[in-house]
Amino acid sequence: MNIFKNIIIISIIIIFIFTLLMYNFDYNHWNGITKEDDKENRLINRLYFVMSTLSTTGYGDVTPKTKKMKIIVMIFQFILLISLISILSTNTYFNDLFN
């Protein structure tokens, strides 16, 4: 049960860091976000993007536009991939569950 607590804490930290990082980039760095929408829903738009990326849903309605934002998103995706692989490969709970 302790491993799930750690996974939740790490996930919240990753979500928080990348939401705040992406918050600093205005609507010019995104496809699918207008100037008006960015003024009203900036935090929600960034959190929505982070959550849909984290869940691997990736609807495609909001995408990075600029080179800087694409690099940040690729780093985010790489961290998520490494986290998932390390959790699944080193956790005895998952090994016992599938064996």
PDB file of N, CA and C in Angstrom:
ATOM      1  N   MET A   1       0.820  -1.193   0.000  1.00  0.00           N
ATOM      2  CA  MET A   1       0.000   0.000   0.000  1.00  0.00           C
ATOM      3  C   MET A   1       0.866   1.261   0.000  1.00  0.00           C
ATOM      4  N   ASN A   2       2.029   1.172   0.581  1.00  0.00           N
ATOM      5  CA  ASN A   2       2.949   2.299   0.662  1.00  0.00           C
ATOM      6  C   ASN A   2       3.407   2.757  -0.723  1.00  0.00           C
ATOM      7  N   ILE A   3       3.550   1.811  -1.654  1.00  0.00           N
ATOM      8  CA  ILE A   3       3.986   2.159  -3.005  1.00  0.00           C
ATOM      9  C   ILE A   3       2.946   3.026  -3.695  1.00  0.00           C
ATOM     10  N   PHE A   4       1.672   2.779  -3.474  1.00  0.00           N
ATOM     11  CA  PHE A   4       0.618   3.589  -4.082  1.00  0.00           C
ATOM     12  C   PHE A   4       0.641   5.013  -3.539  1.00  0.00           C
ATOM     13  N   LYS A   5       0.927   5.145  -2.263  1.00  0.00           N
ATOM     14  CA  LYS A   5       1.056   6.470  -1.659  1.00  0.00           C
ATOM     15  C   LYS A   5       2.207   7.232  -2.321  1.00  0.00           C
ATOM     16  N   ASN A   6       3.314   6.556  -2.532  1.00  0.00           N
ATOM     17  CA  ASN A   6       4.467   7.182  -3.182  1.00  0.00           C
ATOM     18  C   ASN A   6       4.158   7.554  -4.630  1.00  0.00           C
ATOM     19  N   ILE A   7       3.453   6.693  -5.335  1.00  0.00           N
ATOM     20  CA  ILE A   7       3.084   6.974  -6.722  1.00  0.00           C
ATOM     21  C   ILE A   7       2.185   8.201  -6.782  1.00  0.00           C
ATOM     22  N   ILE A   8       1.224   8.296  -5.885  1.00  0.00           N
ATOM     23  CA  ILE A   8       0.311   9.443  -5.863  1.00  0.00           C
ATOM     24  C   ILE A   8       1.071  10.729  -5.546  1.00  0.00           C
ATOM     25  N   ILE A   9       1.960  10.681  -4.582  1.00  0.00           N
ATOM     26  CA  ILE A   9       2.742  11.868  -4.216  1.00  0.00           C
ATOM     27  C   ILE A   9       3.623  12.315  -5.377  1.00  0.00           C
ATOM     28  N   ILE A  10       4.307  11.378  -6.015  1.00  0.00           N
ATOM     29  CA  ILE A  10       5.170  11.715  -7.151  1.00  0.00           C
ATOM     30  C   ILE A  10       4.340  12.272  -8.305  1.00  0.00           C
ATOM     31  N   SER A  11       3.187  11.680  -8.555  1.00  0.00           N
ATOM     32  CA  SER A  11       2.312  12.164  -9.628  1.00  0.00           C
ATOM     33  C   SER A  11       1.837  13.586  -9.366  1.00  0.00           C
ATOM     34  N   ILE A  12       1.457  13.869  -8.143  1.00  0.00           N
ATOM     35  CA  ILE A  12       1.004  15.221  -7.798  1.00  0.00           C
ATOM     36  C   ILE A  12       2.139  16.224  -7.967  1.00  0.00           C
ATOM     37  N   ILE A  13       3.329  15.844  -7.574  1.00  0.00           N
ATOM     38  CA  ILE A  13       4.489  16.730  -7.723  1.00  0.00           C
ATOM     39  C   ILE A  13       4.763  17.006  -9.206  1.00  0.00           C
ATOM     40  N   ILE A  14       4.743  15.970 -10.030  1.00  0.00           N
ATOM     41  CA  ILE A  14       4.974  16.136 -11.475  1.00  0.00           C
ATOM     42  C   ILE A  14       3.889  17.021 -12.086  1.00  0.00           C
ATOM     43  N   ILE A  15       2.638  16.782 -11.730  1.00  0.00           N
ATOM     44  CA  ILE A  15       1.528  17.594 -12.246  1.00  0.00           C
ATOM     45  C   ILE A  15       1.703  19.050 -11.839  1.00  0.00           C
ATOM     46  N   PHE A  16       2.034  19.283 -10.593  1.00  0.00           N
ATOM     47  CA  PHE A  16       2.206  20.639 -10.076  1.00  0.00           C
ATOM     48  C   PHE A  16       3.348  21.359 -10.803  1.00  0.00           C
ATOM     49  N   ILE A  17       4.491  20.722 -10.915  1.00  0.00           N
ATOM     50  CA  ILE A  17       5.662  21.345 -11.536  1.00  0.00           C
ATOM     51  C   ILE A  17       5.387  21.709 -12.990  1.00  0.00           C
ATOM     52  N   PHE A  18       4.855  20.766 -13.758  1.00  0.00           N
ATOM     53  CA  PHE A  18       4.659  21.032 -15.179  1.00  0.00           C
ATOM     54  C   PHE A  18       3.476  21.970 -15.441  1.00  0.00           C
ATOM     55  N   THR A  19       2.463  21.952 -14.598  1.00  0.00           N
ATOM     56  CA  THR A  19       1.378  22.922 -14.750  1.00  0.00           C
ATOM     57  C   THR A  19       1.897  24.335 -14.524  1.00  0.00           C
ATOM     58  N   LEU A  20       2.694  24.521 -13.482  1.00  0.00           N
ATOM     59  CA  LEU A  20       3.264  25.846 -13.212  1.00  0.00           C
ATOM     60  C   LEU A  20       4.255  26.268 -14.289  1.00  0.00           C
ATOM     61  N   LEU A  21       5.049  25.342 -14.767  1.00  0.00           N
ATOM     62  CA  LEU A  21       6.006  25.654 -15.832  1.00  0.00           C
ATOM     63  C   LEU A  21       5.275  26.099 -17.094  1.00  0.00           C
ATOM     64  N   MET A  22       4.245  25.371 -17.478  1.00  0.00           N
ATOM     65  CA  MET A  22       3.494  25.699 -18.691  1.00  0.00           C
ATOM     66  C   MET A  22       2.614  26.931 -18.504  1.00  0.00           C
ATOM     67  N   TYR A  23       2.283  27.262 -17.272  1.00  0.00           N
ATOM     68  CA  TYR A  23       1.495  28.453 -16.986  1.00  0.00           C
ATOM     69  C   TYR A  23       2.217  29.723 -17.432  1.00  0.00           C
ATOM     70  N   ASN A  24       3.539  29.680 -17.413  1.00  0.00           N
ATOM     71  CA  ASN A  24       4.339  30.842 -17.774  1.00  0.00           C
ATOM     72  C   ASN A  24       4.340  31.141 -19.271  1.00  0.00           C
ATOM     73  N   PHE A  25       3.821  30.263 -20.085  1.00  0.00           N
ATOM     74  CA  PHE A  25       3.781  30.465 -21.526  1.00  0.00           C
ATOM     75  C   PHE A  25       2.361  30.846 -21.932  1.00  0.00           C
ATOM     76  N   ASP A  26       2.227  31.983 -22.603  1.00  0.00           N
ATOM     77  CA  ASP A  26       0.893  32.468 -22.966  1.00  0.00           C
ATOM     78  C   ASP A  26       0.322  31.724 -24.172  1.00  0.00           C
ATOM     79  N   TYR A  27      -0.843  32.176 -24.612  1.00  0.00           N
ATOM     80  CA  TYR A  27      -1.586  31.505 -25.681  1.00  0.00           C
ATOM     81  C   TYR A  27      -0.813  31.419 -26.997  1.00  0.00           C
ATOM     82  N   ASN A  28       0.162  32.290 -27.212  1.00  0.00           N
ATOM     83  CA  ASN A  28       0.957  32.255 -28.445  1.00  0.00           C
ATOM     84  C   ASN A  28       1.771  30.969 -28.590  1.00  0.00           C
ATOM     85  N   HIS A  29       1.975  30.261 -27.507  1.00  0.00           N
ATOM     86  CA  HIS A  29       2.769  29.033 -27.515  1.00  0.00           C
ATOM     87  C   HIS A  29       1.913  27.780 -27.682  1.00  0.00           C
ATOM     88  N   TRP A  30       0.603  27.955 -27.837  1.00  0.00           N
ATOM     89  CA  TRP A  30      -0.318  26.819 -27.876  1.00  0.00           C
ATOM     90  C   TRP A  30      -1.234  26.885 -29.083  1.00  0.00           C
ATOM     91  N   ASN A  31      -1.524  25.752 -29.669  1.00  0.00           N
ATOM     92  CA  ASN A  31      -2.604  25.620 -30.640  1.00  0.00           C
ATOM     93  C   ASN A  31      -3.849  25.234 -29.852  1.00  0.00           C
ATOM     94  N   GLY A  32      -4.980  25.835 -30.170  1.00  0.00           N
ATOM     95  CA  GLY A  32      -6.230  25.483 -29.512  1.00  0.00           C
ATOM     96  C   GLY A  32      -6.579  26.340 -28.316  1.00  0.00           C
ATOM     97  N   ILE A  33      -5.765  27.359 -28.010  1.00  0.00           N
ATOM     98  CA  ILE A  33      -6.072  28.276 -26.916  1.00  0.00           C
ATOM     99  C   ILE A  33      -6.091  29.691 -27.487  1.00  0.00           C
ATOM    100  N   THR A  34      -7.224  30.360 -27.337  1.00  0.00           N
ATOM    101  CA  THR A  34      -7.354  31.731 -27.820  1.00  0.00           C
ATOM    102  C   THR A  34      -6.914  32.718 -26.743  1.00  0.00           C
ATOM    103  N   LYS A  35      -6.723  33.959 -27.160  1.00  0.00           N
ATOM    104  CA  LYS A  35      -6.321  35.008 -26.221  1.00  0.00           C
ATOM    105  C   LYS A  35      -7.363  35.186 -25.117  1.00  0.00           C
ATOM    106  N   GLU A  36      -8.631  35.189 -25.505  1.00  0.00           N
ATOM    107  CA  GLU A  36      -9.709  35.369 -24.532  1.00  0.00           C
ATOM    108  C   GLU A  36      -9.786  34.187 -23.564  1.00  0.00           C
ATOM    109  N   ASP A  37      -9.684  32.989 -24.107  1.00  0.00           N
ATOM    110  CA  ASP A  37      -9.731  31.786 -23.273  1.00  0.00           C
ATOM    111  C   ASP A  37      -8.537  31.742 -22.330  1.00  0.00           C
ATOM    112  N   ASP A  38      -7.387  32.209 -22.806  1.00  0.00           N
ATOM    113  CA  ASP A  38      -6.194  32.207 -21.970  1.00  0.00           C
ATOM    114  C   ASP A  38      -6.337  33.167 -20.791  1.00  0.00           C
ATOM    115  N   LYS A  39      -7.008  34.290 -21.003  1.00  0.00           N
ATOM    116  CA  LYS A  39      -7.223  35.251 -19.911  1.00  0.00           C
ATOM    117  C   LYS A  39      -8.136  34.664 -18.841  1.00  0.00           C
ATOM    118  N   GLU A  40      -9.173  33.962 -19.267  1.00  0.00           N
ATOM    119  CA  GLU A  40     -10.175  33.455 -18.328  1.00  0.00           C
ATOM    120  C   GLU A  40      -9.786  32.122 -17.678  1.00  0.00           C
ATOM    121  N   ASN A  41      -9.113  31.262 -18.421  1.00  0.00           N
ATOM    122  CA  ASN A  41      -8.897  29.876 -17.964  1.00  0.00           C
ATOM    123  C   ASN A  41      -7.444  29.419 -18.069  1.00  0.00           C
ATOM    124  N   ARG A  42      -6.514  30.294 -17.835  1.00  0.00           N
ATOM    125  CA  ARG A  42      -5.105  29.951 -18.050  1.00  0.00           C
ATOM    126  C   ARG A  42      -4.670  28.724 -17.232  1.00  0.00           C
ATOM    127  N   LEU A  43      -4.923  28.747 -15.955  1.00  0.00           N
ATOM    128  CA  LEU A  43      -4.506  27.631 -15.100  1.00  0.00           C
ATOM    129  C   LEU A  43      -5.231  26.341 -15.472  1.00  0.00           C
ATOM    130  N   ILE A  44      -6.530  26.433 -15.699  1.00  0.00           N
ATOM    131  CA  ILE A  44      -7.313  25.246 -16.060  1.00  0.00           C
ATOM    132  C   ILE A  44      -6.835  24.666 -17.389  1.00  0.00           C
ATOM    133  N   ASN A  45      -6.542  25.528 -18.376  1.00  0.00           N
ATOM    134  CA  ASN A  45      -6.044  25.041 -19.667  1.00  0.00           C
ATOM    135  C   ASN A  45      -4.728  24.293 -19.527  1.00  0.00           C
ATOM    136  N   ARG A  46      -3.837  24.806 -18.687  1.00  0.00           N
ATOM    137  CA  ARG A  46      -2.535  24.139 -18.507  1.00  0.00           C
ATOM    138  C   ARG A  46      -2.703  22.833 -17.743  1.00  0.00           C
ATOM    139  N   LEU A  47      -3.522  22.856 -16.708  1.00  0.00           N
ATOM    140  CA  LEU A  47      -3.779  21.641 -15.942  1.00  0.00           C
ATOM    141  C   LEU A  47      -4.468  20.586 -16.812  1.00  0.00           C
ATOM    142  N   TYR A  48      -5.410  21.014 -17.640  1.00  0.00           N
ATOM    143  CA  TYR A  48      -6.091  20.101 -18.563  1.00  0.00           C
ATOM    144  C   TYR A  48      -5.082  19.432 -19.503  1.00  0.00           C
ATOM    145  N   PHE A  49      -4.160  20.224 -20.061  1.00  0.00           N
ATOM    146  CA  PHE A  49      -3.158  19.657 -20.964  1.00  0.00           C
ATOM    147  C   PHE A  49      -2.264  18.663 -20.229  1.00  0.00           C
ATOM    148  N   VAL A  50      -1.812  19.040 -19.041  1.00  0.00           N
ATOM    149  CA  VAL A  50      -0.933  18.154 -18.263  1.00  0.00           C
ATOM    150  C   VAL A  50      -1.652  16.857 -17.910  1.00  0.00           C
ATOM    151  N   MET A  51      -2.901  16.953 -17.480  1.00  0.00           N
ATOM    152  CA  MET A  51      -3.644  15.749 -17.093  1.00  0.00           C
ATOM    153  C   MET A  51      -3.942  14.854 -18.293  1.00  0.00           C
ATOM    154  N   SER A  52      -4.297  15.444 -19.430  1.00  0.00           N
ATOM    155  CA  SER A  52      -4.576  14.599 -20.601  1.00  0.00           C
ATOM    156  C   SER A  52      -3.296  13.963 -21.134  1.00  0.00           C
ATOM    157  N   THR A  53      -2.167  14.638 -20.967  1.00  0.00           N
ATOM    158  CA  THR A  53      -0.884  14.042 -21.358  1.00  0.00           C
ATOM    159  C   THR A  53      -0.477  12.957 -20.365  1.00  0.00           C
ATOM    160  N   LEU A  54      -0.623  13.238 -19.086  1.00  0.00           N
ATOM    161  CA  LEU A  54      -0.272  12.274 -18.040  1.00  0.00           C
ATOM    162  C   LEU A  54      -1.091  10.998 -18.166  1.00  0.00           C
ATOM    163  N   SER A  55      -2.348  11.140 -18.501  1.00  0.00           N
ATOM    164  CA  SER A  55      -3.207   9.967 -18.622  1.00  0.00           C
ATOM    165  C   SER A  55      -3.053   9.268 -19.969  1.00  0.00           C
ATOM    166  N   THR A  56      -2.226   9.805 -20.818  1.00  0.00           N
ATOM    167  CA  THR A  56      -1.967   9.329 -22.186  1.00  0.00           C
ATOM    168  C   THR A  56      -3.197   9.397 -23.074  1.00  0.00           C
ATOM    169  N   THR A  57      -4.198  10.177 -22.674  1.00  0.00           N
ATOM    170  CA  THR A  57      -5.383  10.361 -23.502  1.00  0.00           C
ATOM    171  C   THR A  57      -5.040  11.243 -24.691  1.00  0.00           C
ATOM    172  N   GLY A  58      -4.473  12.412 -24.432  1.00  0.00           N
ATOM    173  CA  GLY A  58      -4.020  13.315 -25.469  1.00  0.00           C
ATOM    174  C   GLY A  58      -5.058  13.590 -26.544  1.00  0.00           C
ATOM    175  N   TYR A  59      -6.092  14.310 -26.224  1.00  0.00           N
ATOM    176  CA  TYR A  59      -7.189  14.561 -27.156  1.00  0.00           C
ATOM    177  C   TYR A  59      -6.742  15.276 -28.425  1.00  0.00           C
ATOM    178  N   GLY A  60      -5.733  16.131 -28.343  1.00  0.00           N
ATOM    179  CA  GLY A  60      -5.253  16.844 -29.506  1.00  0.00           C
ATOM    180  C   GLY A  60      -5.898  18.197 -29.715  1.00  0.00           C
ATOM    181  N   ASP A  61      -6.816  18.587 -28.837  1.00  0.00           N
ATOM    182  CA  ASP A  61      -7.456  19.895 -28.980  1.00  0.00           C
ATOM    183  C   ASP A  61      -6.551  21.031 -28.525  1.00  0.00           C
ATOM    184  N   VAL A  62      -5.621  20.744 -27.622  1.00  0.00           N
ATOM    185  CA  VAL A  62      -4.619  21.708 -27.190  1.00  0.00           C
ATOM    186  C   VAL A  62      -3.255  21.060 -27.418  1.00  0.00           C
ATOM    187  N   THR A  63      -2.432  21.729 -28.225  1.00  0.00           N
ATOM    188  CA  THR A  63      -1.113  21.181 -28.547  1.00  0.00           C
ATOM    189  C   THR A  63      -0.069  22.282 -28.475  1.00  0.00           C
ATOM    190  N   PRO A  64       1.178  21.920 -28.215  1.00  0.00           N
ATOM    191  CA  PRO A  64       2.230  22.937 -28.202  1.00  0.00           C
ATOM    192  C   PRO A  64       2.470  23.474 -29.613  1.00  0.00           C
ATOM    193  N   LYS A  65       2.729  24.776 -29.698  1.00  0.00           N
ATOM    194  CA  LYS A  65       2.944  25.410 -30.989  1.00  0.00           C
ATOM    195  C   LYS A  65       4.406  25.772 -31.211  1.00  0.00           C
ATOM    196  N   THR A  66       5.054  26.327 -30.201  1.00  0.00           N
ATOM    197  CA  THR A  66       6.416  26.832 -30.374  1.00  0.00           C
ATOM    198  C   THR A  66       7.455  25.748 -30.068  1.00  0.00           C
ATOM    199  N   LYS A  67       8.656  25.998 -30.537  1.00  0.00           N
ATOM    200  CA  LYS A  67       9.756  25.060 -30.321  1.00  0.00           C
ATOM    201  C   LYS A  67      10.043  24.878 -28.824  1.00  0.00           C
ATOM    202  N   LYS A  68      10.043  25.977 -28.071  1.00  0.00           N
ATOM    203  CA  LYS A  68      10.284  25.889 -26.620  1.00  0.00           C
ATOM    204  C   LYS A  68       9.249  24.998 -25.946  1.00  0.00           C
ATOM    205  N   MET A  69       7.991  25.221 -26.287  1.00  0.00           N
ATOM    206  CA  MET A  69       6.923  24.451 -25.651  1.00  0.00           C
ATOM    207  C   MET A  69       7.000  22.985 -26.060  1.00  0.00           C
ATOM    208  N   LYS A  70       7.322  22.706 -27.303  1.00  0.00           N
ATOM    209  CA  LYS A  70       7.448  21.315 -27.746  1.00  0.00           C
ATOM    210  C   LYS A  70       8.562  20.601 -26.990  1.00  0.00           C
ATOM    211  N   ILE A  71       9.664  21.296 -26.730  1.00  0.00           N
ATOM    212  CA  ILE A  71      10.773  20.702 -25.976  1.00  0.00           C
ATOM    213  C   ILE A  71      10.351  20.410 -24.539  1.00  0.00           C
ATOM    214  N   ILE A  72       9.648  21.360 -23.915  1.00  0.00           N
ATOM    215  CA  ILE A  72       9.176  21.147 -22.544  1.00  0.00           C
ATOM    216  C   ILE A  72       8.222  19.960 -22.484  1.00  0.00           C
ATOM    217  N   VAL A  73       7.321  19.861 -23.447  1.00  0.00           N
ATOM    218  CA  VAL A  73       6.362  18.758 -23.473  1.00  0.00           C
ATOM    219  C   VAL A  73       7.077  17.422 -23.696  1.00  0.00           C
ATOM    220  N   MET A  74       8.087  17.406 -24.543  1.00  0.00           N
ATOM    221  CA  MET A  74       8.850  16.160 -24.756  1.00  0.00           C
ATOM    222  C   MET A  74       9.577  15.738 -23.484  1.00  0.00           C
ATOM    223  N   ILE A  75      10.121  16.695 -22.741  1.00  0.00           N
ATOM    224  CA  ILE A  75      10.768  16.380 -21.459  1.00  0.00           C
ATOM    225  C   ILE A  75       9.740  15.815 -20.486  1.00  0.00           C
ATOM    226  N   PHE A  76       8.573  16.440 -20.434  1.00  0.00           N
ATOM    227  CA  PHE A  76       7.478  15.958 -19.585  1.00  0.00           C
ATOM    228  C   PHE A  76       7.095  14.526 -19.942  1.00  0.00           C
ATOM    229  N   GLN A  77       6.926  14.248 -21.213  1.00  0.00           N
ATOM    230  CA  GLN A  77       6.553  12.906 -21.662  1.00  0.00           C
ATOM    231  C   GLN A  77       7.652  11.896 -21.356  1.00  0.00           C
ATOM    232  N   PHE A  78       8.908  12.301 -21.501  1.00  0.00           N
ATOM    233  CA  PHE A  78      10.016  11.408 -21.191  1.00  0.00           C
ATOM    234  C   PHE A  78      10.036  11.061 -19.708  1.00  0.00           C
ATOM    235  N   ILE A  79       9.844  12.051 -18.855  1.00  0.00           N
ATOM    236  CA  ILE A  79       9.795  11.807 -17.406  1.00  0.00           C
ATOM    237  C   ILE A  79       8.653  10.864 -17.060  1.00  0.00           C
ATOM    238  N   LEU A  80       7.502  11.064 -17.678  1.00  0.00           N
ATOM    239  CA  LEU A  80       6.363  10.174 -17.432  1.00  0.00           C
ATOM    240  C   LEU A  80       6.669   8.749 -17.870  1.00  0.00           C
ATOM    241  N   LEU A  81       7.280   8.595 -19.023  1.00  0.00           N
ATOM    242  CA  LEU A  81       7.617   7.264 -19.533  1.00  0.00           C
ATOM    243  C   LEU A  81       8.614   6.558 -18.622  1.00  0.00           C
ATOM    244  N   ILE A  82       9.650   7.246 -18.218  1.00  0.00           N
ATOM    245  CA  ILE A  82      10.657   6.658 -17.324  1.00  0.00           C
ATOM    246  C   ILE A  82      10.024   6.304 -15.975  1.00  0.00           C
ATOM    247  N   SER A  83       9.162   7.171 -15.471  1.00  0.00           N
ATOM    248  CA  SER A  83       8.482   6.892 -14.190  1.00  0.00           C
ATOM    249  C   SER A  83       7.627   5.640 -14.283  1.00  0.00           C
ATOM    250  N   LEU A  84       6.862   5.542 -15.347  1.00  0.00           N
ATOM    251  CA  LEU A  84       5.996   4.377 -15.520  1.00  0.00           C
ATOM    252  C   LEU A  84       6.806   3.090 -15.650  1.00  0.00           C
ATOM    253  N   ILE A  85       7.846   3.111 -16.435  1.00  0.00           N
ATOM    254  CA  ILE A  85       8.686   1.921 -16.609  1.00  0.00           C
ATOM    255  C   ILE A  85       9.339   1.523 -15.296  1.00  0.00           C
ATOM    256  N   SER A  86       9.857   2.499 -14.554  1.00  0.00           N
ATOM    257  CA  SER A  86      10.528   2.159 -13.293  1.00  0.00           C
ATOM    258  C   SER A  86       9.545   1.635 -12.259  1.00  0.00           C
ATOM    259  N   ILE A  87       8.355   2.197 -12.224  1.00  0.00           N
ATOM    260  CA  ILE A  87       7.347   1.712 -11.273  1.00  0.00           C
ATOM    261  C   ILE A  87       6.945   0.282 -11.600  1.00  0.00           C
ATOM    262  N   LEU A  88       6.696   0.019 -12.864  1.00  0.00           N
ATOM    263  CA  LEU A  88       6.251  -1.322 -13.248  1.00  0.00           C
ATOM    264  C   LEU A  88       7.353  -2.368 -13.154  1.00  0.00           C
ATOM    265  N   SER A  89       8.581  -1.981 -13.421  1.00  0.00           N
ATOM    266  CA  SER A  89       9.653  -2.974 -13.436  1.00  0.00           C
ATOM    267  C   SER A  89      10.239  -3.263 -12.060  1.00  0.00           C
ATOM    268  N   THR A  90      10.137  -2.338 -11.126  1.00  0.00           N
ATOM    269  CA  THR A  90      10.760  -2.544  -9.814  1.00  0.00           C
ATOM    270  C   THR A  90       9.776  -2.869  -8.707  1.00  0.00           C
ATOM    271  N   ASN A  91       8.511  -2.799  -8.987  1.00  0.00           N
ATOM    272  CA  ASN A  91       7.522  -3.009  -7.949  1.00  0.00           C
ATOM    273  C   ASN A  91       7.135  -4.488  -7.877  1.00  0.00           C
ATOM    274  N   THR A  92       7.358  -5.085  -6.730  1.00  0.00           N
ATOM    275  CA  THR A  92       7.030  -6.500  -6.561  1.00  0.00           C
ATOM    276  C   THR A  92       5.528  -6.737  -6.572  1.00  0.00           C
ATOM    277  N   TYR A  93       4.749  -5.730  -6.194  1.00  0.00           N
ATOM    278  CA  TYR A  93       3.298  -5.882  -6.226  1.00  0.00           C
ATOM    279  C   TYR A  93       2.829  -6.162  -7.645  1.00  0.00           C
ATOM    280  N   PHE A  94       3.322  -5.387  -8.599  1.00  0.00           N
ATOM    281  CA  PHE A  94       2.928  -5.589  -9.990  1.00  0.00           C
ATOM    282  C   PHE A  94       3.472  -6.913 -10.531  1.00  0.00           C
ATOM    283  N   ASN A  95       4.663  -7.277 -10.117  1.00  0.00           N
ATOM    284  CA  ASN A  95       5.233  -8.555 -10.546  1.00  0.00           C
ATOM    285  C   ASN A  95       4.391  -9.720 -10.028  1.00  0.00           C
ATOM    286  N   ASP A  96       3.987  -9.677  -8.764  1.00  0.00           N
ATOM    287  CA  ASP A  96       3.153 -10.733  -8.186  1.00  0.00           C
ATOM    288  C   ASP A  96       1.757 -10.756  -8.814  1.00  0.00           C
ATOM    289  N   LEU A  97       1.250  -9.590  -9.145  1.00  0.00           N
ATOM    290  CA  LEU A  97      -0.077  -9.470  -9.715  1.00  0.00           C
ATOM    291  C   LEU A  97      -0.157 -10.144 -11.095  1.00  0.00           C
ATOM    292  N   PHE A  98       0.893  -9.997 -11.886  1.00  0.00           N
ATOM    293  CA  PHE A  98       0.860 -10.524 -13.249  1.00  0.00           C
ATOM    294  C   PHE A  98       1.553 -11.872 -13.418  1.00  0.00           C
ATOM    295  N   ASN A  99       2.062 -12.417 -12.353  1.00  0.00           N
ATOM    296  CA  ASN A  99       2.707 -13.750 -12.434  1.00  0.00           C
ATOM    297  C   ASN A  99       1.869 -14.802 -11.775  1.00  0.00           C
TER     298      ASN A  99
END
